[in-house]
């Protein structure tokens, strides 16, 4: 297990990235949760969803307070995010955890390659 200061610093970086950019937050959180020793994929997914909700809610509060949200597109994205979250959770319970872990790793590498 990593030392607490390293875990805290990593969590802080991921939360800042997720609050600002959003894309890939789930993959990064899954990676951090794995690094701290959470090996059950379904449990890690539940913790990831809770953390992503907190990070995103705080970011949304800041964006609302500054008045920079385009509400029409925001509601379209909200609808897709809710549907994707619901269907993704059902899929995660159905799929073999080893296969799910492989998918998470592949998507993580794919996003890293695409964006960097």
PDB file of N, CA and C in Angstrom:
ATOM      1  N   UNK A   1       0.840  -1.183   0.000  1.00  0.00           N
ATOM      2  CA  UNK A   1       0.000   0.000   0.000  1.00  0.00           C
ATOM      3  C   UNK A   1       0.885   1.246   0.000  1.00  0.00           C
ATOM      4  N   UNK A   2       0.423   2.253  -0.686  1.00  0.00           N
ATOM      5  CA  UNK A   2       1.171   3.506  -0.779  1.00  0.00           C
ATOM      6  C   UNK A   2       1.082   4.292   0.531  1.00  0.00           C
ATOM      7  N   UNK A   3       2.093   5.123   0.806  1.00  0.00           N
ATOM      8  CA  UNK A   3       2.030   5.981   2.000  1.00  0.00           C
ATOM      9  C   UNK A   3       0.868   6.974   1.899  1.00  0.00           C
ATOM     10  N   UNK A   4       0.290   7.328   3.031  1.00  0.00           N
ATOM     11  CA  UNK A   4      -0.866   8.232   3.053  1.00  0.00           C
ATOM     12  C   UNK A   4      -0.632   9.559   2.325  1.00  0.00           C
ATOM     13  N   UNK A   5       0.528  10.216   2.480  1.00  0.00           N
ATOM     14  CA  UNK A   5       0.729  11.478   1.751  1.00  0.00           C
ATOM     15  C   UNK A   5       0.684  11.294   0.229  1.00  0.00           C
ATOM     16  N   UNK A   6       1.184  10.166  -0.254  1.00  0.00           N
ATOM     17  CA  UNK A   6       1.147   9.889  -1.699  1.00  0.00           C
ATOM     18  C   UNK A   6      -0.294   9.666  -2.141  1.00  0.00           C
ATOM     19  N   UNK A   7      -1.054   8.913  -1.351  1.00  0.00           N
ATOM     20  CA  UNK A   7      -2.465   8.674  -1.672  1.00  0.00           C
ATOM     21  C   UNK A   7      -3.229   9.995  -1.681  1.00  0.00           C
ATOM     22  N   UNK A   8      -3.005  10.830  -0.671  1.00  0.00           N
ATOM     23  CA  UNK A   8      -3.691  12.119  -0.584  1.00  0.00           C
ATOM     24  C   UNK A   8      -3.354  13.001  -1.783  1.00  0.00           C
ATOM     25  N   UNK A   9      -2.076  13.089  -2.122  1.00  0.00           N
ATOM     26  CA  UNK A   9      -1.649  13.923  -3.257  1.00  0.00           C
ATOM     27  C   UNK A   9      -2.251  13.410  -4.562  1.00  0.00           C
ATOM     28  N   UNK A  10      -2.255  12.099  -4.740  1.00  0.00           N
ATOM     29  CA  UNK A  10      -2.827  11.502  -5.952  1.00  0.00           C
ATOM     30  C   UNK A  10      -4.323  11.778  -6.025  1.00  0.00           C
ATOM     31  N   UNK A  11      -5.025  11.589  -4.915  1.00  0.00           N
ATOM     32  CA  UNK A  11      -6.461  11.874  -4.879  1.00  0.00           C
ATOM     33  C   UNK A  11      -6.747  13.337  -5.191  1.00  0.00           C
ATOM     34  N   UNK A  12      -5.944  14.226  -4.645  1.00  0.00           N
ATOM     35  CA  UNK A  12      -6.126  15.658  -4.881  1.00  0.00           C
ATOM     36  C   UNK A  12      -5.941  16.001  -6.363  1.00  0.00           C
ATOM     37  N   UNK A  13      -4.916  15.439  -6.983  1.00  0.00           N
ATOM     38  CA  UNK A  13      -4.682  15.679  -8.411  1.00  0.00           C
ATOM     39  C   UNK A  13      -5.830  15.143  -9.260  1.00  0.00           C
ATOM     40  N   UNK A  14      -6.274  13.929  -8.968  1.00  0.00           N
ATOM     41  CA  UNK A  14      -7.369  13.325  -9.733  1.00  0.00           C
ATOM     42  C   UNK A  14      -8.656  14.127  -9.541  1.00  0.00           C
ATOM     43  N   UNK A  15      -8.936  14.565  -8.314  1.00  0.00           N
ATOM     44  CA  UNK A  15     -10.143  15.348  -8.052  1.00  0.00           C
ATOM     45  C   UNK A  15     -10.107  16.687  -8.790  1.00  0.00           C
ATOM     46  N   UNK A  16      -8.964  17.349  -8.800  1.00  0.00           N
ATOM     47  CA  UNK A  16      -8.843  18.613  -9.537  1.00  0.00           C
ATOM     48  C   UNK A  16      -9.024  18.401 -11.028  1.00  0.00           C
ATOM     49  N   UNK A  17      -8.397  17.356 -11.559  1.00  0.00           N
ATOM     50  CA  UNK A  17      -8.557  17.034 -12.976  1.00  0.00           C
ATOM     51  C   UNK A  17     -10.023  16.758 -13.284  1.00  0.00           C
ATOM     52  N   UNK A  18     -10.651  15.924 -12.461  1.00  0.00           N
ATOM     53  CA  UNK A  18     -12.043  15.549 -12.692  1.00  0.00           C
ATOM     54  C   UNK A  18     -12.996  16.718 -12.576  1.00  0.00           C
ATOM     55  N   UNK A  19     -12.756  17.604 -11.618  1.00  0.00           N
ATOM     56  CA  UNK A  19     -13.615  18.764 -11.455  1.00  0.00           C
ATOM     57  C   UNK A  19     -13.509  19.734 -12.611  1.00  0.00           C
ATOM     58  N   UNK A  20     -12.328  19.853 -13.173  1.00  0.00           N
ATOM     59  CA  UNK A  20     -12.125  20.782 -14.287  1.00  0.00           C
ATOM     60  C   UNK A  20     -12.520  20.163 -15.618  1.00  0.00           C
ATOM     61  N   UNK A  21     -12.047  18.945 -15.869  1.00  0.00           N
ATOM     62  CA  UNK A  21     -12.179  18.359 -17.197  1.00  0.00           C
ATOM     63  C   UNK A  21     -13.262  17.295 -17.260  1.00  0.00           C
ATOM     64  N   UNK A  22     -13.339  16.428 -16.277  1.00  0.00           N
ATOM     65  CA  UNK A  22     -14.396  15.424 -16.211  1.00  0.00           C
ATOM     66  C   UNK A  22     -14.113  14.134 -16.955  1.00  0.00           C
ATOM     67  N   UNK A  23     -13.715  14.220 -18.214  1.00  0.00           N
ATOM     68  CA  UNK A  23     -13.505  13.015 -19.022  1.00  0.00           C
ATOM     69  C   UNK A  23     -12.378  12.171 -18.447  1.00  0.00           C
ATOM     70  N   UNK A  24     -12.647  10.908 -18.274  1.00  0.00           N
ATOM     71  CA  UNK A  24     -11.628   9.999 -17.768  1.00  0.00           C
ATOM     72  C   UNK A  24     -11.546   9.942 -16.256  1.00  0.00           C
ATOM     73  N   UNK A  25     -12.391  10.703 -15.562  1.00  0.00           N
ATOM     74  CA  UNK A  25     -12.348  10.711 -14.099  1.00  0.00           C
ATOM     75  C   UNK A  25     -12.572   9.315 -13.535  1.00  0.00           C
ATOM     76  N   UNK A  26     -13.536   8.593 -14.070  1.00  0.00           N
ATOM     77  CA  UNK A  26     -13.834   7.253 -13.568  1.00  0.00           C
ATOM     78  C   UNK A  26     -12.664   6.303 -13.704  1.00  0.00           C
ATOM     79  N   UNK A  27     -11.992   6.354 -14.837  1.00  0.00           N
ATOM     80  CA  UNK A  27     -10.832   5.487 -15.067  1.00  0.00           C
ATOM     81  C   UNK A  27      -9.719   5.834 -14.085  1.00  0.00           C
ATOM     82  N   UNK A  28      -9.472   7.127 -13.909  1.00  0.00           N
ATOM     83  CA  UNK A  28      -8.424   7.544 -12.974  1.00  0.00           C
ATOM     84  C   UNK A  28      -8.765   7.149 -11.540  1.00  0.00           C
ATOM     85  N   UNK A  29     -10.023   7.309 -11.155  1.00  0.00           N
ATOM     86  CA  UNK A  29     -10.420   6.914  -9.807  1.00  0.00           C
ATOM     87  C   UNK A  29     -10.275   5.407  -9.606  1.00  0.00           C
ATOM     88  N   UNK A  30     -10.638   4.621 -10.615  1.00  0.00           N
ATOM     89  CA  UNK A  30     -10.471   3.160 -10.507  1.00  0.00           C
ATOM     90  C   UNK A  30      -8.996   2.813 -10.331  1.00  0.00           C
ATOM     91  N   UNK A  31      -8.132   3.507 -11.048  1.00  0.00           N
ATOM     92  CA  UNK A  31      -6.693   3.254 -10.920  1.00  0.00           C
ATOM     93  C   UNK A  31      -6.209   3.592  -9.513  1.00  0.00           C
ATOM     94  N   UNK A  32      -6.633   4.732  -8.989  1.00  0.00           N
ATOM     95  CA  UNK A  32      -6.226   5.137  -7.640  1.00  0.00           C
ATOM     96  C   UNK A  32      -6.758   4.149  -6.605  1.00  0.00           C
ATOM     97  N   UNK A  33      -8.005   3.742  -6.748  1.00  0.00           N
ATOM     98  CA  UNK A  33      -8.584   2.790  -5.794  1.00  0.00           C
ATOM     99  C   UNK A  33      -7.856   1.450  -5.834  1.00  0.00           C
ATOM    100  N   UNK A  34      -7.426   1.043  -7.012  1.00  0.00           N
ATOM    101  CA  UNK A  34      -6.644  -0.188  -7.126  1.00  0.00           C
ATOM    102  C   UNK A  34      -5.290  -0.020  -6.448  1.00  0.00           C
ATOM    103  N   UNK A  35      -4.666   1.142  -6.635  1.00  0.00           N
ATOM    104  CA  UNK A  35      -3.363   1.400  -6.012  1.00  0.00           C
ATOM    105  C   UNK A  35      -3.426   1.393  -4.488  1.00  0.00           C
ATOM    106  N   UNK A  36      -4.558   1.798  -3.930  1.00  0.00           N
ATOM    107  CA  UNK A  36      -4.656   1.812  -2.469  1.00  0.00           C
ATOM    108  C   UNK A  36      -5.123   0.474  -1.908  1.00  0.00           C
ATOM    109  N   UNK A  37      -5.350  -0.499  -2.788  1.00  0.00           N
ATOM    110  CA  UNK A  37      -5.627  -1.850  -2.318  1.00  0.00           C
ATOM    111  C   UNK A  37      -7.060  -2.322  -2.417  1.00  0.00           C
ATOM    112  N   UNK A  38      -7.931  -1.574  -3.056  1.00  0.00           N
ATOM    113  CA  UNK A  38      -9.316  -2.004  -3.227  1.00  0.00           C
ATOM    114  C   UNK A  38      -9.375  -2.921  -4.441  1.00  0.00           C
ATOM    115  N   UNK A  39      -9.381  -4.235  -4.211  1.00  0.00           N
ATOM    116  CA  UNK A  39      -9.226  -5.184  -5.312  1.00  0.00           C
ATOM    117  C   UNK A  39     -10.548  -5.685  -5.885  1.00  0.00           C
ATOM    118  N   UNK A  40     -11.646  -5.601  -5.148  1.00  0.00           N
ATOM    119  CA  UNK A  40     -12.940  -6.042  -5.664  1.00  0.00           C
ATOM    120  C   UNK A  40     -13.461  -4.995  -6.645  1.00  0.00           C
ATOM    121  N   UNK A  41     -13.645  -5.395  -7.900  1.00  0.00           N
ATOM    122  CA  UNK A  41     -14.005  -4.442  -8.956  1.00  0.00           C
ATOM    123  C   UNK A  41     -15.362  -3.799  -8.693  1.00  0.00           C
ATOM    124  N   UNK A  42     -16.340  -4.584  -8.258  1.00  0.00           N
ATOM    125  CA  UNK A  42     -17.667  -4.016  -8.012  1.00  0.00           C
ATOM    126  C   UNK A  42     -17.652  -3.039  -6.838  1.00  0.00           C
ATOM    127  N   UNK A  43     -16.907  -3.364  -5.797  1.00  0.00           N
ATOM    128  CA  UNK A  43     -16.785  -2.451  -4.658  1.00  0.00           C
ATOM    129  C   UNK A  43     -16.053  -1.175  -5.075  1.00  0.00           C
ATOM    130  N   UNK A  44     -14.971  -1.329  -5.840  1.00  0.00           N
ATOM    131  CA  UNK A  44     -14.228  -0.165  -6.325  1.00  0.00           C
ATOM    132  C   UNK A  44     -15.110   0.703  -7.218  1.00  0.00           C
ATOM    133  N   UNK A  45     -15.941   0.069  -8.033  1.00  0.00           N
ATOM    134  CA  UNK A  45     -16.839   0.808  -8.917  1.00  0.00           C
ATOM    135  C   UNK A  45     -17.845   1.623  -8.101  1.00  0.00           C
ATOM    136  N   UNK A  46     -18.362   1.048  -7.022  1.00  0.00           N
ATOM    137  CA  UNK A  46     -19.304   1.773  -6.166  1.00  0.00           C
ATOM    138  C   UNK A  46     -18.624   2.969  -5.497  1.00  0.00           C
ATOM    139  N   UNK A  47     -17.420   2.766  -4.985  1.00  0.00           N
ATOM    140  CA  UNK A  47     -16.672   3.861  -4.354  1.00  0.00           C
ATOM    141  C   UNK A  47     -16.344   4.930  -5.392  1.00  0.00           C
ATOM    142  N   UNK A  48     -15.942   4.488  -6.584  1.00  0.00           N
ATOM    143  CA  UNK A  48     -15.632   5.425  -7.672  1.00  0.00           C
ATOM    144  C   UNK A  48     -16.839   6.288  -8.002  1.00  0.00           C
ATOM    145  N   UNK A  49     -18.013   5.673  -8.082  1.00  0.00           N
ATOM    146  CA  UNK A  49     -19.224   6.432  -8.397  1.00  0.00           C
ATOM    147  C   UNK A  49     -19.533   7.467  -7.320  1.00  0.00           C
ATOM    148  N   UNK A  50     -19.362   7.091  -6.063  1.00  0.00           N
ATOM    149  CA  UNK A  50     -19.603   8.039  -4.969  1.00  0.00           C
ATOM    150  C   UNK A  50     -18.612   9.201  -5.028  1.00  0.00           C
ATOM    151  N   UNK A  51     -17.334   8.887  -5.237  1.00  0.00           N
ATOM    152  CA  UNK A  51     -16.315   9.939  -5.316  1.00  0.00           C
ATOM    153  C   UNK A  51     -16.531  10.841  -6.527  1.00  0.00           C
ATOM    154  N   UNK A  52     -16.869  10.248  -7.665  1.00  0.00           N
ATOM    155  CA  UNK A  52     -17.111  11.040  -8.873  1.00  0.00           C
ATOM    156  C   UNK A  52     -18.314  11.960  -8.683  1.00  0.00           C
ATOM    157  N   UNK A  53     -19.328  11.481  -7.973  1.00  0.00           N
ATOM    158  CA  UNK A  53     -20.500  12.314  -7.688  1.00  0.00           C
ATOM    159  C   UNK A  53     -20.116  13.516  -6.834  1.00  0.00           C
ATOM    160  N   UNK A  54     -19.296  13.286  -5.829  1.00  0.00           N
ATOM    161  CA  UNK A  54     -18.857  14.381  -4.955  1.00  0.00           C
ATOM    162  C   UNK A  54     -18.027  15.398  -5.739  1.00  0.00           C
ATOM    163  N   UNK A  55     -17.035  14.909  -6.483  1.00  0.00           N
ATOM    164  CA  UNK A  55     -16.163  15.798  -7.263  1.00  0.00           C
ATOM    165  C   UNK A  55     -16.979  16.592  -8.277  1.00  0.00           C
ATOM    166  N   UNK A  56     -17.847  15.908  -9.005  1.00  0.00           N
ATOM    167  CA  UNK A  56     -18.636  16.576 -10.040  1.00  0.00           C
ATOM    168  C   UNK A  56     -19.630  17.560  -9.443  1.00  0.00           C
ATOM    169  N   UNK A  57     -20.226  17.209  -8.318  1.00  0.00           N
ATOM    170  CA  UNK A  57     -21.184  18.118  -7.667  1.00  0.00           C
ATOM    171  C   UNK A  57     -20.512  19.409  -7.211  1.00  0.00           C
ATOM    172  N   UNK A  58     -19.329  19.279  -6.652  1.00  0.00           N
ATOM    173  CA  UNK A  58     -18.591  20.479  -6.244  1.00  0.00           C
ATOM    174  C   UNK A  58     -18.227  21.341  -7.449  1.00  0.00           C
ATOM    175  N   UNK A  59     -17.812  20.700  -8.535  1.00  0.00           N
ATOM    176  CA  UNK A  59     -17.471  21.452  -9.744  1.00  0.00           C
ATOM    177  C   UNK A  59     -18.703  22.151 -10.310  1.00  0.00           C
ATOM    178  N   UNK A  60     -19.832  21.452 -10.337  1.00  0.00           N
ATOM    179  CA  UNK A  60     -21.070  22.047 -10.842  1.00  0.00           C
ATOM    180  C   UNK A  60     -21.474  23.247  -9.989  1.00  0.00           C
ATOM    181  N   UNK A  61     -21.325  23.138  -8.684  1.00  0.00           N
ATOM    182  CA  UNK A  61     -21.661  24.263  -7.801  1.00  0.00           C
ATOM    183  C   UNK A  61     -20.827  25.495  -8.146  1.00  0.00           C
ATOM    184  N   UNK A  62     -19.553  25.292  -8.418  1.00  0.00           N
ATOM    185  CA  UNK A  62     -18.680  26.410  -8.806  1.00  0.00           C
ATOM    186  C   UNK A  62     -19.119  26.979 -10.150  1.00  0.00           C
ATOM    187  N   UNK A  63     -19.433  26.102 -11.110  1.00  0.00           N
ATOM    188  CA  UNK A  63     -19.844  26.572 -12.436  1.00  0.00           C
ATOM    189  C   UNK A  63     -21.177  27.325 -12.372  1.00  0.00           C
ATOM    190  N   UNK A  64     -22.113  26.848 -11.554  1.00  0.00           N
ATOM    191  CA  UNK A  64     -23.390  27.552 -11.398  1.00  0.00           C
ATOM    192  C   UNK A  64     -23.159  28.923 -10.766  1.00  0.00           C
ATOM    193  N   UNK A  65     -22.340  28.959  -9.730  1.00  0.00           N
ATOM    194  CA  UNK A  65     -22.069  30.219  -9.030  1.00  0.00           C
ATOM    195  C   UNK A  65     -21.429  31.255  -9.944  1.00  0.00           C
ATOM    196  N   UNK A  66     -20.640  30.807 -10.912  1.00  0.00           N
ATOM    197  CA  UNK A  66     -19.985  31.749 -11.822  1.00  0.00           C
ATOM    198  C   UNK A  66     -20.824  32.039 -13.063  1.00  0.00           C
ATOM    199  N   UNK A  67     -21.952  31.331 -13.240  1.00  0.00           N
ATOM    200  CA  UNK A  67     -22.866  31.611 -14.344  1.00  0.00           C
ATOM    201  C   UNK A  67     -22.362  31.224 -15.722  1.00  0.00           C
ATOM    202  N   UNK A  68     -21.567  30.182 -15.824  1.00  0.00           N
ATOM    203  CA  UNK A  68     -20.985  29.831 -17.123  1.00  0.00           C
ATOM    204  C   UNK A  68     -21.587  28.569 -17.747  1.00  0.00           C
ATOM    205  N   UNK A  69     -22.743  28.125 -17.265  1.00  0.00           N
ATOM    206  CA  UNK A  69     -23.345  26.897 -17.793  1.00  0.00           C
ATOM    207  C   UNK A  69     -24.309  27.234 -18.917  1.00  0.00           C
ATOM    208  N   UNK A  70     -24.186  26.524 -20.041  1.00  0.00           N
ATOM    209  CA  UNK A  70     -25.160  26.587 -21.131  1.00  0.00           C
ATOM    210  C   UNK A  70     -26.199  25.506 -20.821  1.00  0.00           C
ATOM    211  N   UNK A  71     -27.371  25.896 -20.329  1.00  0.00           N
ATOM    212  CA  UNK A  71     -28.318  24.952 -19.749  1.00  0.00           C
ATOM    213  C   UNK A  71     -28.904  23.960 -20.741  1.00  0.00           C
ATOM    214  N   UNK A  72     -29.126  24.330 -21.987  1.00  0.00           N
ATOM    215  CA  UNK A  72     -29.680  23.391 -22.979  1.00  0.00           C
ATOM    216  C   UNK A  72     -28.782  22.179 -23.177  1.00  0.00           C
ATOM    217  N   UNK A  73     -27.526  22.398 -23.595  1.00  0.00           N
ATOM    218  CA  UNK A  73     -26.610  21.260 -23.733  1.00  0.00           C
ATOM    219  C   UNK A  73     -26.368  20.529 -22.407  1.00  0.00           C
ATOM    220  N   UNK A  74     -26.399  21.258 -21.305  1.00  0.00           N
ATOM    221  CA  UNK A  74     -26.162  20.622 -20.002  1.00  0.00           C
ATOM    222  C   UNK A  74     -27.232  19.577 -19.701  1.00  0.00           C
ATOM    223  N   UNK A  75     -28.489  19.867 -20.018  1.00  0.00           N
ATOM    224  CA  UNK A  75     -29.554  18.891 -19.765  1.00  0.00           C
ATOM    225  C   UNK A  75     -29.443  17.682 -20.693  1.00  0.00           C
ATOM    226  N   UNK A  76     -28.989  17.894 -21.924  1.00  0.00           N
ATOM    227  CA  UNK A  76     -28.775  16.758 -22.832  1.00  0.00           C
ATOM    228  C   UNK A  76     -27.674  15.843 -22.293  1.00  0.00           C
ATOM    229  N   UNK A  77     -26.601  16.436 -21.815  1.00  0.00           N
ATOM    230  CA  UNK A  77     -25.499  15.654 -21.245  1.00  0.00           C
ATOM    231  C   UNK A  77     -25.961  14.949 -19.972  1.00  0.00           C
ATOM    232  N   UNK A  78     -26.743  15.632 -19.150  1.00  0.00           N
ATOM    233  CA  UNK A  78     -27.261  15.042 -17.916  1.00  0.00           C
ATOM    234  C   UNK A  78     -28.088  13.793 -18.207  1.00  0.00           C
ATOM    235  N   UNK A  79     -28.943  13.870 -19.207  1.00  0.00           N
ATOM    236  CA  UNK A  79     -29.775  12.725 -19.576  1.00  0.00           C
ATOM    237  C   UNK A  79     -28.915  11.539 -19.995  1.00  0.00           C
ATOM    238  N   UNK A  80     -27.926  11.783 -20.835  1.00  0.00           N
ATOM    239  CA  UNK A  80     -27.028  10.709 -21.266  1.00  0.00           C
ATOM    240  C   UNK A  80     -26.205  10.142 -20.129  1.00  0.00           C
ATOM    241  N   UNK A  81     -25.766  11.000 -19.219  1.00  0.00           N
ATOM    242  CA  UNK A  81     -24.960  10.539 -18.085  1.00  0.00           C
ATOM    243  C   UNK A  81     -25.773   9.655 -17.147  1.00  0.00           C
ATOM    244  N   UNK A  82     -27.019  10.031 -16.905  1.00  0.00           N
ATOM    245  CA  UNK A  82     -27.873   9.214 -16.033  1.00  0.00           C
ATOM    246  C   UNK A  82     -28.141   7.859 -16.676  1.00  0.00           C
ATOM    247  N   UNK A  83     -28.488   7.855 -17.952  1.00  0.00           N
ATOM    248  CA  UNK A  83     -28.744   6.586 -18.644  1.00  0.00           C
ATOM    249  C   UNK A  83     -27.486   5.726 -18.681  1.00  0.00           C
ATOM    250  N   UNK A  84     -26.350   6.333 -18.995  1.00  0.00           N
ATOM    251  CA  UNK A  84     -25.093   5.585 -19.051  1.00  0.00           C
ATOM    252  C   UNK A  84     -24.675   5.045 -17.700  1.00  0.00           C
ATOM    253  N   UNK A  85     -24.878   5.818 -16.649  1.00  0.00           N
ATOM    254  CA  UNK A  85     -24.547   5.353 -15.301  1.00  0.00           C
ATOM    255  C   UNK A  85     -25.398   4.173 -14.887  1.00  0.00           C
ATOM    256  N   UNK A  86     -26.679   4.245 -15.181  1.00  0.00           N
ATOM    257  CA  UNK A  86     -27.586   3.150 -14.828  1.00  0.00           C
ATOM    258  C   UNK A  86     -27.238   1.885 -15.611  1.00  0.00           C
ATOM    259  N   UNK A  87     -27.106   2.024 -16.919  1.00  0.00           N
ATOM    260  CA  UNK A  87     -26.796   0.854 -17.751  1.00  0.00           C
ATOM    261  C   UNK A  87     -25.400   0.321 -17.463  1.00  0.00           C
ATOM    262  N   UNK A  88     -24.441   1.210 -17.208  1.00  0.00           N
ATOM    263  CA  UNK A  88     -23.081   0.777 -16.892  1.00  0.00           C
ATOM    264  C   UNK A  88     -23.024  -0.025 -15.605  1.00  0.00           C
ATOM    265  N   UNK A  89     -23.788   0.389 -14.597  1.00  0.00           N
ATOM    266  CA  UNK A  89     -23.820  -0.347 -13.327  1.00  0.00           C
ATOM    267  C   UNK A  89     -24.427  -1.734 -13.515  1.00  0.00           C
ATOM    268  N   UNK A  90     -25.472  -1.820 -14.307  1.00  0.00           N
ATOM    269  CA  UNK A  90     -26.081  -3.139 -14.582  1.00  0.00           C
ATOM    270  C   UNK A  90     -25.098  -4.034 -15.329  1.00  0.00           C
ATOM    271  N   UNK A  91     -24.390  -3.467 -16.292  1.00  0.00           N
ATOM    272  CA  UNK A  91     -23.400  -4.223 -17.064  1.00  0.00           C
ATOM    273  C   UNK A  91     -22.260  -4.687 -16.162  1.00  0.00           C
ATOM    274  N   UNK A  92     -21.814  -3.829 -15.250  1.00  0.00           N
ATOM    275  CA  UNK A  92     -20.699  -4.170 -14.359  1.00  0.00           C
ATOM    276  C   UNK A  92     -21.053  -5.330 -13.432  1.00  0.00           C
ATOM    277  N   UNK A  93     -22.301  -5.442 -13.041  1.00  0.00           N
ATOM    278  CA  UNK A  93     -22.719  -6.571 -12.198  1.00  0.00           C
ATOM    279  C   UNK A  93     -22.796  -7.862 -12.987  1.00  0.00           C
ATOM    280  N   UNK A  94     -23.057  -7.750 -14.269  1.00  0.00           N
ATOM    281  CA  UNK A  94     -23.256  -8.918 -15.118  1.00  0.00           C
ATOM    282  C   UNK A  94     -21.940  -9.505 -15.624  1.00  0.00           C
ATOM    283  N   UNK A  95     -20.974  -8.656 -15.943  1.00  0.00           N
ATOM    284  CA  UNK A  95     -19.738  -9.095 -16.597  1.00  0.00           C
ATOM    285  C   UNK A  95     -18.752  -9.684 -15.581  1.00  0.00           C
ATOM    286  N   UNK A  96     -17.927 -10.582 -16.048  1.00  0.00           N
ATOM    287  CA  UNK A  96     -16.865 -11.178 -15.234  1.00  0.00           C
ATOM    288  C   UNK A  96     -15.901 -10.068 -14.793  1.00  0.00           C
ATOM    289  N   UNK A  97     -15.555  -9.998 -13.493  1.00  0.00           N
ATOM    290  CA  UNK A  97     -14.669  -8.926 -13.002  1.00  0.00           C
ATOM    291  C   UNK A  97     -13.311  -8.867 -13.704  1.00  0.00           C
ATOM    292  N   UNK A  98     -12.771 -10.011 -14.109  1.00  0.00           N
ATOM    293  CA  UNK A  98     -11.484 -10.016 -14.816  1.00  0.00           C
ATOM    294  C   UNK A  98     -11.618  -9.346 -16.177  1.00  0.00           C
ATOM    295  N   UNK A  99     -12.701  -9.628 -16.863  1.00  0.00           N
ATOM    296  CA  UNK A  99     -12.940  -8.999 -18.169  1.00  0.00           C
ATOM    297  C   UNK A  99     -13.177  -7.497 -17.984  1.00  0.00           C
ATOM    298  N   UNK A 100     -13.950  -7.139 -16.956  1.00  0.00           N
ATOM    299  CA  UNK A 100     -14.202  -5.718 -16.684  1.00  0.00           C
ATOM    300  C   UNK A 100     -12.904  -4.979 -16.396  1.00  0.00           C
ATOM    301  N   UNK A 101     -12.026  -5.592 -15.607  1.00  0.00           N
ATOM    302  CA  UNK A 101     -10.730  -4.976 -15.309  1.00  0.00           C
ATOM    303  C   UNK A 101      -9.938  -4.762 -16.601  1.00  0.00           C
ATOM    304  N   UNK A 102      -9.953  -5.740 -17.498  1.00  0.00           N
ATOM    305  CA  UNK A 102      -9.265  -5.599 -18.785  1.00  0.00           C
ATOM    306  C   UNK A 102      -9.837  -4.463 -19.616  1.00  0.00           C
ATOM    307  N   UNK A 103     -11.162  -4.331 -19.594  1.00  0.00           N
ATOM    308  CA  UNK A 103     -11.809  -3.240 -20.330  1.00  0.00           C
ATOM    309  C   UNK A 103     -11.392  -1.889 -19.745  1.00  0.00           C
ATOM    310  N   UNK A 104     -11.386  -1.793 -18.414  1.00  0.00           N
ATOM    311  CA  UNK A 104     -10.994  -0.543 -17.750  1.00  0.00           C
ATOM    312  C   UNK A 104      -9.559  -0.176 -18.110  1.00  0.00           C
ATOM    313  N   UNK A 105      -8.668  -1.150 -18.088  1.00  0.00           N
ATOM    314  CA  UNK A 105      -7.262  -0.898 -18.431  1.00  0.00           C
ATOM    315  C   UNK A 105      -7.133  -0.472 -19.888  1.00  0.00           C
ATOM    316  N   UNK A 106      -7.826  -1.170 -20.785  1.00  0.00           N
ATOM    317  CA  UNK A 106      -7.754  -0.842 -22.213  1.00  0.00           C
ATOM    318  C   UNK A 106      -8.289   0.564 -22.483  1.00  0.00           C
ATOM    319  N   UNK A 107      -9.409   0.905 -21.862  1.00  0.00           N
ATOM    320  CA  UNK A 107      -9.975   2.243 -22.049  1.00  0.00           C
ATOM    321  C   UNK A 107      -9.028   3.302 -21.486  1.00  0.00           C
ATOM    322  N   UNK A 108      -8.432   3.016 -20.336  1.00  0.00           N
ATOM    323  CA  UNK A 108      -7.470   3.956 -19.745  1.00  0.00           C
ATOM    324  C   UNK A 108      -6.291   4.220 -20.656  1.00  0.00           C
ATOM    325  N   UNK A 109      -5.705   3.149 -21.192  1.00  0.00           N
ATOM    326  CA  UNK A 109      -4.584   3.327 -22.119  1.00  0.00           C
ATOM    327  C   UNK A 109      -5.039   4.032 -23.396  1.00  0.00           C
ATOM    328  N   UNK A 110      -6.222   3.679 -23.879  1.00  0.00           N
ATOM    329  CA  UNK A 110      -6.740   4.318 -25.087  1.00  0.00           C
ATOM    330  C   UNK A 110      -6.951   5.810 -24.903  1.00  0.00           C
ATOM    331  N   UNK A 111      -7.535   6.197 -23.767  1.00  0.00           N
ATOM    332  CA  UNK A 111      -7.733   7.624 -23.493  1.00  0.00           C
ATOM    333  C   UNK A 111      -6.408   8.353 -23.328  1.00  0.00           C
ATOM    334  N   UNK A 112      -5.469   7.713 -22.637  1.00  0.00           N
ATOM    335  CA  UNK A 112      -4.149   8.339 -22.464  1.00  0.00           C
ATOM    336  C   UNK A 112      -3.478   8.542 -23.814  1.00  0.00           C
ATOM    337  N   UNK A 113      -3.554   7.554 -24.674  1.00  0.00           N
ATOM    338  CA  UNK A 113      -2.945   7.663 -26.007  1.00  0.00           C
ATOM    339  C   UNK A 113      -3.631   8.761 -26.812  1.00  0.00           C
ATOM    340  N   UNK A 114      -4.958   8.807 -26.773  1.00  0.00           N
ATOM    341  CA  UNK A 114      -5.711   9.774 -27.564  1.00  0.00           C
ATOM    342  C   UNK A 114      -5.466  11.210 -27.100  1.00  0.00           C
ATOM    343  N   UNK A 115      -5.479  11.428 -25.783  1.00  0.00           N
ATOM    344  CA  UNK A 115      -5.381  12.790 -25.263  1.00  0.00           C
ATOM    345  C   UNK A 115      -3.957  13.288 -25.063  1.00  0.00           C
ATOM    346  N   UNK A 116      -2.999  12.365 -24.974  1.00  0.00           N
ATOM    347  CA  UNK A 116      -1.633  12.811 -24.732  1.00  0.00           C
ATOM    348  C   UNK A 116      -0.730  12.387 -25.852  1.00  0.00           C
TER     349      UNK A 116
END
